[in-house]
Amino acid sequence: MGGIIALKPEVVHLGKGDDVVIHTIKLDHTQPQSSFGIFGFKKFGWLYGDVSAMYSRYGLVFDVTSYSEESTPTRLLSEQFGYLDLQVMGGLIMNNFRIAVGPMMHILGYHNSNLNTLQNYVQKLRNISYGFSGSIGYEIDRYCLEIKYDKAFRTIGDHIYSGTRKSHFLETPDALSLLLTVTLFKP
């Protein structure tokens, strides 16, 4: 599966206290999402349910300006995230088309950040977060091609603090993905 994390540019400031800015952090771009996993699927007439466990990775790249008395260098710093995504979905299936919605739990499995080199940067990662998904798909024999939207209930800066102050990033790492699933065992 592959997807994109769709975010708008956003800027926050890290500093000392209320009025001294040390760094300006701007979201520059996202890196593509890649995922793999297993799915369980059961039809009940025109209704169906599925459960999945997937490992997803994506990255964020920030344009960081650090202010000092000598200069204001700008550099790109990145973060990579890896999550085990557990999901339950339910929906309707008719004439090989299917549509579904359901909750999702994201369990942090990997994180690597260059932001931790910044002065006054404090990292407070959430190991578990939640979200909600919707999907539309079409089945052909043992295959299903699906478009899925994942809404995350966290922001891209939930873990970024300046001392004890949380960053003001508002964007959420929502994903739009294209899935190709193959049925291995068919009753």
Protein backbone atom coordinates (compact mmCIF):
# COMPACT_ATOMS: atom_id res chain seq x y z
CA MET A 1 0.00 0.00 0.00
CA GLY A 2 1.17 3.51 -0.66
CA GLY A 3 -0.19 6.87 0.27
CA ILE A 4 0.35 10.50 0.98
CA ILE A 5 0.13 12.55 4.14
CA ALA A 6 -1.72 15.69 3.02
CA LEU A 7 -0.65 18.75 5.05
CA LYS A 8 -0.65 22.50 4.55
CA PRO A 9 2.47 24.58 5.35
CA GLU A 10 2.52 25.65 8.97
CA VAL A 11 4.97 27.63 11.14
CA VAL A 12 5.68 27.47 14.89
CA HIS A 13 8.31 29.10 17.10
CA LEU A 14 10.40 27.52 19.85
CA GLY A 15 11.98 29.79 22.41
CA LYS A 16 12.78 30.77 25.94
CA GLY A 17 9.73 32.08 27.74
CA ASP A 18 7.05 34.14 25.99
CA ASP A 19 9.11 36.64 24.04
CA VAL A 20 12.47 35.13 23.02
CA VAL A 21 12.35 33.05 19.81
CA ILE A 22 15.25 30.65 19.28
CA HIS A 23 13.93 28.61 16.32
CA THR A 24 11.27 29.00 13.66
CA ILE A 25 10.03 25.61 12.46
CA LYS A 26 8.06 25.42 9.21
CA LEU A 27 6.63 22.22 7.78
CA ASP A 28 8.33 22.01 4.38
CA HIS A 29 6.94 18.75 2.96
CA THR A 30 5.96 15.19 3.78
CA GLN A 31 7.55 11.95 2.64
CA PRO A 32 5.33 9.23 1.12
CA GLN A 33 3.61 6.72 3.35
CA SER A 34 4.22 3.02 2.81
CA SER A 35 2.37 0.23 4.58
CA PHE A 36 2.04 -3.53 4.66
CA GLY A 37 -0.07 -5.83 6.77
CA ILE A 38 -2.71 -8.49 7.10
CA PHE A 39 -6.49 -8.26 6.82
CA GLY A 40 -9.38 -10.43 7.92
CA PHE A 41 -12.64 -10.08 5.98
CA LYS A 42 -16.14 -11.54 6.49
CA LYS A 43 -19.31 -10.99 4.45
CA PHE A 44 -22.78 -11.10 6.02
CA GLY A 45 -25.10 -10.78 3.02
CA TRP A 46 -24.77 -7.15 1.88
CA LEU A 47 -22.86 -6.19 5.06
CA TYR A 48 -19.23 -6.94 5.81
CA GLY A 49 -16.61 -6.46 8.48
CA ASP A 50 -12.85 -6.47 8.37
CA VAL A 51 -9.99 -6.21 10.81
CA SER A 52 -6.44 -5.29 9.94
CA ALA A 53 -2.98 -4.96 11.43
CA MET A 54 -0.65 -2.84 9.33
CA TYR A 55 2.76 -1.28 9.81
CA SER A 56 2.92 2.21 8.27
CA ARG A 57 5.91 4.55 7.82
CA TYR A 58 6.05 8.18 6.75
CA GLY A 59 8.25 11.21 7.22
CA LEU A 60 8.00 14.95 7.78
CA VAL A 61 10.60 17.50 6.68
CA PHE A 62 10.85 20.87 8.44
CA ASP A 63 12.57 24.08 7.34
CA VAL A 64 14.23 25.30 10.56
CA THR A 65 15.68 28.77 11.09
CA SER A 66 17.81 29.08 14.24
CA TYR A 67 18.47 32.55 15.57
CA SER A 68 21.77 33.44 17.19
CA GLU A 69 23.84 36.59 17.53
CA GLU A 70 26.17 35.58 14.68
CA SER A 71 23.70 34.46 11.99
CA THR A 72 20.33 32.91 11.22
CA PRO A 73 21.14 29.66 9.39
CA THR A 74 18.28 27.75 7.79
CA ARG A 75 18.38 23.98 7.41
CA LEU A 76 16.08 21.06 6.67
CA LEU A 77 15.48 18.63 9.53
CA SER A 78 13.38 15.50 9.26
CA GLU A 79 11.39 13.08 11.36
CA GLN A 80 10.38 9.52 10.49
CA PHE A 81 7.51 7.69 12.14
CA GLY A 82 6.53 4.02 12.14
CA TYR A 83 3.17 2.89 13.51
CA LEU A 84 1.42 -0.42 14.00
CA ASP A 85 -2.12 0.44 12.93
CA LEU A 86 -4.91 -1.77 14.31
CA GLN A 87 -8.31 -1.27 12.75
CA VAL A 88 -11.87 -2.59 12.69
CA MET A 89 -14.15 -1.53 9.83
CA GLY A 90 -17.72 -2.30 8.87
CA GLY A 91 -19.63 -1.48 5.76
CA LEU A 92 -21.83 -2.34 2.82
CA ILE A 93 -21.01 -4.46 -0.22
CA MET A 94 -23.09 -4.57 -3.39
CA ASN A 95 -22.23 -5.56 -6.99
CA ASN A 96 -18.55 -5.93 -5.97
CA PHE A 97 -18.41 -2.32 -4.67
CA ARG A 98 -17.78 -1.79 -0.99
CA ILE A 99 -17.81 1.18 1.35
CA ALA A 100 -16.77 1.10 5.02
CA VAL A 101 -15.89 3.16 8.09
CA GLY A 102 -14.26 2.33 11.39
CA PRO A 103 -11.96 3.30 14.26
CA MET A 104 -8.18 2.89 14.25
CA MET A 105 -5.50 2.67 16.93
CA HIS A 106 -1.93 3.79 16.13
CA ILE A 107 0.85 2.26 18.26
CA LEU A 108 4.20 4.03 17.87
CA GLY A 109 6.85 1.50 16.87
CA TYR A 110 9.60 3.72 15.48
CA HIS A 111 10.60 7.38 15.65
CA ASN A 112 13.73 9.14 14.50
CA SER A 113 14.07 12.92 14.63
CA ASN A 114 16.74 15.48 13.81
CA LEU A 115 14.72 18.08 15.74
CA ASN A 116 16.16 16.82 19.03
CA THR A 117 19.40 18.66 18.17
CA LEU A 118 17.64 22.02 18.64
CA GLN A 119 18.22 24.10 21.78
CA ASN A 120 15.18 24.07 24.15
CA TYR A 121 13.53 21.25 22.16
CA VAL A 122 11.75 18.72 24.37
CA GLN A 123 10.21 15.59 22.88
CA LYS A 124 7.12 14.04 24.50
CA LEU A 125 5.91 11.23 22.23
CA ARG A 126 2.50 9.61 22.61
CA ASN A 127 2.90 5.85 22.32
CA ILE A 128 -0.78 5.32 21.43
CA SER A 129 -3.09 7.57 19.44
CA TYR A 130 -6.41 7.05 17.69
CA GLY A 131 -8.15 7.86 14.46
CA PHE A 132 -11.00 7.02 12.13
CA SER A 133 -11.06 5.73 8.54
CA GLY A 134 -13.34 5.53 5.56
CA SER A 135 -12.80 3.53 2.38
CA ILE A 136 -14.34 2.77 -1.00
CA GLY A 137 -13.28 -0.29 -2.96
CA TYR A 138 -14.03 -2.66 -5.81
CA GLU A 139 -13.56 -6.45 -5.70
CA ILE A 140 -12.54 -8.66 -8.62
CA ASP A 141 -12.27 -12.34 -7.71
CA ARG A 142 -9.49 -12.52 -5.05
CA TYR A 143 -8.41 -8.87 -5.41
CA CYS A 144 -9.75 -5.62 -4.06
CA LEU A 145 -8.60 -2.16 -5.06
CA GLU A 146 -9.46 0.38 -2.38
CA ILE A 147 -9.05 4.10 -1.69
CA LYS A 148 -8.81 4.84 2.03
CA TYR A 149 -8.78 8.03 4.07
CA ASP A 150 -7.35 7.92 7.61
CA LYS A 151 -8.17 10.81 9.97
CA ALA A 152 -5.65 10.99 12.84
CA PHE A 153 -6.70 12.36 16.24
CA ARG A 154 -3.26 13.93 16.87
CA THR A 155 -1.33 16.84 15.37
CA ILE A 156 2.09 16.76 13.73
CA GLY A 157 3.43 18.69 16.72
CA ASP A 158 1.79 16.84 19.64
CA HIS A 159 5.24 15.68 20.72
CA ILE A 160 7.12 18.96 20.15
CA TYR A 161 7.66 21.12 23.24
CA SER A 162 9.80 24.13 24.03
CA GLY A 163 10.58 23.53 27.68
CA THR A 164 7.11 22.82 29.13
CA ARG A 165 5.16 24.63 26.36
CA LYS A 166 3.56 22.53 23.64
CA SER A 167 4.01 23.62 20.02
CA HIS A 168 1.06 25.16 18.23
CA PHE A 169 1.01 22.92 15.15
CA LEU A 170 -2.62 22.31 14.18
CA GLU A 171 -2.27 20.06 11.12
CA THR A 172 -3.01 16.36 11.58
CA PRO A 173 -1.13 13.59 9.71
CA ASP A 174 -4.16 12.39 7.75
CA ALA A 175 -3.41 9.84 5.03
CA LEU A 176 -4.96 9.18 1.64
CA SER A 177 -3.96 5.69 0.53
CA LEU A 178 -4.39 3.29 -2.36
CA LEU A 179 -4.64 -0.34 -1.26
CA LEU A 180 -4.45 -3.55 -3.23
CA THR A 181 -5.51 -6.52 -1.14
CA VAL A 182 -5.28 -10.17 -2.16
CA THR A 183 -7.44 -12.85 -0.57
CA LEU A 184 -5.22 -15.80 0.41
CA PHE A 185 -7.90 -18.06 1.90
CA LYS A 186 -11.38 -18.05 0.40
CA PRO A 187 -14.11 -20.29 1.83
